[in-house]
Amino acid sequence: MRTILRGDDRVASPGHQFITDVRIGGQQRQMIFYHGYPWYDADGNHLPSVETRKLMMDELHWDSEGWPWVNDGTPSD
C-alpha cells in the first residue's frame, strides 16, 4: 500500500476522499476531493488548534505501475 496524501506544515490529516471523472478543456481527468485541517488562518497566523476542516481537491494521476499519486504527496495550495 502507498500513501496518496499526507499532511504537511500547512494542512493536517487529509482524508475521506472521493474520486470522480471530470472534463476540463475538453480532456477527461480524474479529481480527488478530500478534507484537511489548515494550520494557518487566511492572514497566515498559526491557529492554536486545527480549525474546521476544509474541502480540498487535486488532480489524481496514475504511475506506470497503476498506483495513484497527487502532487508530491501533499495537498496543493
C-alpha atoms as a PDB file:
ATOM      1  CA  MET A   1       0.000   0.000   0.000  1.00  0.00           C
ATOM      2  CA  ARG A   2       1.197   3.524  -0.761  1.00  0.00           C
ATOM      3  CA  THR A   3       0.218   6.841   0.774  1.00  0.00           C
ATOM      4  CA  ILE A   4      -1.524   9.136  -1.695  1.00  0.00           C
ATOM      5  CA  LEU A   5      -1.843  12.189   0.562  1.00  0.00           C
ATOM      6  CA  ARG A   6      -0.175  13.117   3.839  1.00  0.00           C
ATOM      7  CA  GLY A   7      -0.220  16.240   5.966  1.00  0.00           C
ATOM      8  CA  ASP A   8       2.485  18.876   5.830  1.00  0.00           C
ATOM      9  CA  ASP A   9       3.274  22.187   7.532  1.00  0.00           C
ATOM     10  CA  ARG A  10       0.117  23.760   6.035  1.00  0.00           C
ATOM     11  CA  VAL A  11      -2.551  21.031   6.285  1.00  0.00           C
ATOM     12  CA  ALA A  12      -3.166  18.267   8.827  1.00  0.00           C
ATOM     13  CA  SER A  13      -4.958  14.974   8.273  1.00  0.00           C
ATOM     14  CA  PRO A  14      -6.037  14.989   4.626  1.00  0.00           C
ATOM     15  CA  GLY A  15      -8.544  12.207   4.134  1.00  0.00           C
ATOM     16  CA  HIS A  16     -12.035  10.872   3.495  1.00  0.00           C
ATOM     17  CA  GLN A  17     -11.565  11.185  -0.229  1.00  0.00           C
ATOM     18  CA  PHE A  18     -13.941  10.956  -3.175  1.00  0.00           C
ATOM     19  CA  ILE A  19     -12.639  10.374  -6.714  1.00  0.00           C
ATOM     20  CA  THR A  20     -14.577  11.413  -9.798  1.00  0.00           C
ATOM     21  CA  ASP A  21     -14.051  11.951 -13.524  1.00  0.00           C
ATOM     22  CA  VAL A  22     -14.374  15.493 -14.871  1.00  0.00           C
ATOM     23  CA  ARG A  23     -13.964  17.130 -18.259  1.00  0.00           C
ATOM     24  CA  ILE A  24     -11.601  20.130 -18.256  1.00  0.00           C
ATOM     25  CA  GLY A  25     -10.802  21.933 -21.501  1.00  0.00           C
ATOM     26  CA  GLY A  26     -12.157  19.008 -23.498  1.00  0.00           C
ATOM     27  CA  GLN A  27      -9.945  16.473 -21.706  1.00  0.00           C
ATOM     28  CA  GLN A  28     -11.127  13.751 -19.338  1.00  0.00           C
ATOM     29  CA  ARG A  29      -9.355  13.912 -15.958  1.00  0.00           C
ATOM     30  CA  GLN A  30      -9.739  12.413 -12.523  1.00  0.00           C
ATOM     31  CA  MET A  31     -10.026  14.631  -9.488  1.00  0.00           C
ATOM     32  CA  ILE A  32      -9.738  13.671  -5.837  1.00  0.00           C
ATOM     33  CA  PHE A  33     -11.833  15.624  -3.332  1.00  0.00           C
ATOM     34  CA  TYR A  34     -10.927  15.347   0.357  1.00  0.00           C
ATOM     35  CA  HIS A  35     -10.876  17.302   3.582  1.00  0.00           C
ATOM     36  CA  GLY A  36      -7.963  18.721   5.503  1.00  0.00           C
ATOM     37  CA  TYR A  37      -7.418  20.872   8.586  1.00  0.00           C
ATOM     38  CA  PRO A  38      -5.452  24.088   7.919  1.00  0.00           C
ATOM     39  CA  TRP A  39      -2.727  25.040  10.407  1.00  0.00           C
ATOM     40  CA  TYR A  40      -2.988  28.761   9.483  1.00  0.00           C
ATOM     41  CA  ASP A  41      -5.828  31.222   9.070  1.00  0.00           C
ATOM     42  CA  ALA A  42      -6.378  33.384   5.973  1.00  0.00           C
ATOM     43  CA  ASP A  43      -3.943  36.026   7.331  1.00  0.00           C
ATOM     44  CA  GLY A  44      -1.142  33.497   7.850  1.00  0.00           C
ATOM     45  CA  ASN A  45      -1.497  33.343  11.631  1.00  0.00           C
ATOM     46  CA  HIS A  46      -0.827  29.920  13.166  1.00  0.00           C
ATOM     47  CA  LEU A  47      -4.024  28.539  14.639  1.00  0.00           C
ATOM     48  CA  PRO A  48      -3.874  27.362  18.273  1.00  0.00           C
ATOM     49  CA  SER A  49      -5.524  24.137  17.111  1.00  0.00           C
ATOM     50  CA  VAL A  50      -6.705  22.994  13.728  1.00  0.00           C
ATOM     51  CA  GLU A  51      -9.914  24.732  12.708  1.00  0.00           C
ATOM     52  CA  THR A  52     -12.902  23.204  10.980  1.00  0.00           C
ATOM     53  CA  ARG A  53     -11.903  21.014   8.093  1.00  0.00           C
ATOM     54  CA  LYS A  54     -11.912  22.439   4.567  1.00  0.00           C
ATOM     55  CA  LEU A  55     -12.932  20.780   1.326  1.00  0.00           C
ATOM     56  CA  MET A  56      -9.896  20.414  -0.931  1.00  0.00           C
ATOM     57  CA  MET A  57      -9.255  18.950  -4.378  1.00  0.00           C
ATOM     58  CA  ASP A  58      -6.372  17.943  -6.603  1.00  0.00           C
ATOM     59  CA  GLU A  59      -5.923  16.158  -9.888  1.00  0.00           C
ATOM     60  CA  LEU A  60      -5.298  12.434  -9.458  1.00  0.00           C
ATOM     61  CA  HIS A  61      -2.565  10.871 -11.593  1.00  0.00           C
ATOM     62  CA  TRP A  62      -1.550   7.241 -12.155  1.00  0.00           C
ATOM     63  CA  ASP A  63       2.007   5.939 -12.495  1.00  0.00           C
ATOM     64  CA  SER A  64       3.192   3.240 -14.908  1.00  0.00           C
ATOM     65  CA  GLU A  65       2.602   0.541 -12.264  1.00  0.00           C
ATOM     66  CA  GLY A  66      -1.026   1.602 -11.749  1.00  0.00           C
ATOM     67  CA  TRP A  67      -0.545   3.429  -8.427  1.00  0.00           C
ATOM     68  CA  PRO A  68      -2.352   6.754  -7.881  1.00  0.00           C
ATOM     69  CA  TRP A  69      -0.433   9.882  -6.889  1.00  0.00           C
ATOM     70  CA  VAL A  70      -1.168  13.535  -6.121  1.00  0.00           C
ATOM     71  CA  ASN A  71       1.415  16.325  -6.482  1.00  0.00           C
ATOM     72  CA  ASP A  72       4.356  15.436  -4.213  1.00  0.00           C
ATOM     73  CA  GLY A  73       2.063  13.563  -1.824  1.00  0.00           C
ATOM     74  CA  THR A  74       0.861  16.698  -0.037  1.00  0.00           C
ATOM     75  CA  PRO A  75      -2.203  18.874  -0.668  1.00  0.00           C
ATOM     76  CA  SER A  76      -1.909  21.695  -3.190  1.00  0.00           C
ATOM     77  CA  ASP A  77      -2.422  25.359  -2.326  1.00  0.00           C
END
